[in-house]
């Protein structure tokens, strides 16, 4: 499972669309639940999630596994994306 995630991360670093979709689908349930905590409106939930995932793809090269788990890194980006959307 971890090897598969590492392969997906490596693919995302190469801007591989299939790997990006796999990453999105793999983490969608918990990240959607996170965004639901901030917004009642489904459109806003998905906007926060999708804005955050774009940041994840854009900055995935900066992820450093020695500093913590990948999911926690993604979770933080998504949370910050939701907070940014709230601040408008």
Protein backbone atom coordinates (compact mmCIF):
# COMPACT_ATOMS: atom_id res chain seq x y z
CA UNK A 1 0.00 0.00 0.00
CA UNK A 2 2.80 2.41 0.92
CA UNK A 3 4.76 1.45 -2.21
CA UNK A 4 1.66 2.18 -4.27
CA UNK A 5 1.32 5.61 -2.64
CA UNK A 6 5.00 6.32 -3.29
CA UNK A 7 4.47 5.40 -6.96
CA UNK A 8 1.46 7.74 -7.12
CA UNK A 9 3.47 10.57 -5.52
CA UNK A 10 6.31 9.98 -7.99
CA UNK A 11 3.83 10.11 -10.85
CA UNK A 12 2.30 13.33 -9.53
CA UNK A 13 5.78 14.86 -9.42
CA UNK A 14 5.91 14.13 -13.17
CA UNK A 15 2.47 15.77 -13.67
CA UNK A 16 0.98 12.37 -14.57
CA UNK A 17 -2.78 12.96 -14.80
CA UNK A 18 -3.63 9.34 -13.99
CA UNK A 19 -1.57 9.47 -10.79
CA UNK A 20 -3.18 12.79 -9.89
CA UNK A 21 -6.62 11.22 -10.27
CA UNK A 22 -5.58 8.19 -8.18
CA UNK A 23 -4.32 10.48 -5.43
CA UNK A 24 -7.54 12.51 -5.54
CA UNK A 25 -9.74 9.40 -5.35
CA UNK A 26 -7.64 7.78 -2.60
CA UNK A 27 -7.81 10.80 -0.29
CA UNK A 28 -11.24 12.14 -1.30
CA UNK A 29 -13.33 10.68 1.58
CA UNK A 30 -11.32 12.10 4.52
CA UNK A 31 -10.58 15.40 2.76
CA UNK A 32 -14.23 15.85 1.80
CA UNK A 33 -15.17 15.21 5.45
CA UNK A 34 -12.59 17.82 6.51
CA UNK A 35 -14.04 20.46 4.17
CA UNK A 36 -17.59 19.58 5.33
CA UNK A 37 -16.56 20.85 8.77
CA UNK A 38 -16.07 24.33 7.30
CA UNK A 39 -18.96 24.57 4.83
CA UNK A 40 -22.57 23.41 4.59
CA UNK A 41 -22.83 24.14 0.87
CA UNK A 42 -21.57 21.22 -1.24
CA UNK A 43 -20.26 23.59 -3.93
CA UNK A 44 -18.06 25.36 -1.36
CA UNK A 45 -16.90 22.03 0.06
CA UNK A 46 -15.75 20.89 -3.39
CA UNK A 47 -14.24 24.30 -4.21
CA UNK A 48 -12.09 24.20 -1.07
CA UNK A 49 -11.10 20.58 -1.74
CA UNK A 50 -10.28 21.13 -5.41
CA UNK A 51 -8.37 24.37 -4.78
CA UNK A 52 -6.36 22.52 -2.16
CA UNK A 53 -5.65 19.56 -4.42
CA UNK A 54 -4.38 21.92 -7.12
CA UNK A 55 -1.94 23.29 -4.54
CA UNK A 56 -0.94 19.74 -3.61
CA UNK A 57 -0.16 18.91 -7.26
CA UNK A 58 1.67 22.18 -7.78
CA UNK A 59 3.82 21.85 -4.64
CA UNK A 60 4.25 18.07 -4.44
CA UNK A 61 7.93 18.47 -5.27
CA UNK A 62 8.37 20.25 -1.92
CA UNK A 63 6.98 17.33 0.10
CA UNK A 64 9.71 15.90 2.33
CA UNK A 65 8.96 12.46 3.78
CA UNK A 66 11.53 13.03 6.55
CA UNK A 67 9.32 15.80 7.95
CA UNK A 68 6.15 13.73 8.30
CA UNK A 69 3.52 11.59 6.64
CA UNK A 70 2.27 12.53 3.20
CA UNK A 71 -1.39 12.45 4.25
CA UNK A 72 -0.72 14.97 7.03
CA UNK A 73 1.01 17.27 4.53
CA UNK A 74 -1.99 17.05 2.16
CA UNK A 75 -4.47 17.47 5.04
CA UNK A 76 -2.75 20.70 6.12
CA UNK A 77 -2.86 22.12 2.58
CA UNK A 78 -6.56 21.28 2.22
CA UNK A 79 -7.37 22.78 5.64
CA UNK A 80 -5.51 25.97 4.72
CA UNK A 81 -7.35 26.07 1.41
CA UNK A 82 -10.69 25.90 3.25
CA UNK A 83 -9.60 28.68 5.64
CA UNK A 84 -8.51 30.82 2.69
CA UNK A 85 -11.92 30.36 1.08
CA UNK A 86 -13.65 31.36 4.34
CA UNK A 87 -11.60 34.54 4.58
CA UNK A 88 -12.63 35.29 1.00
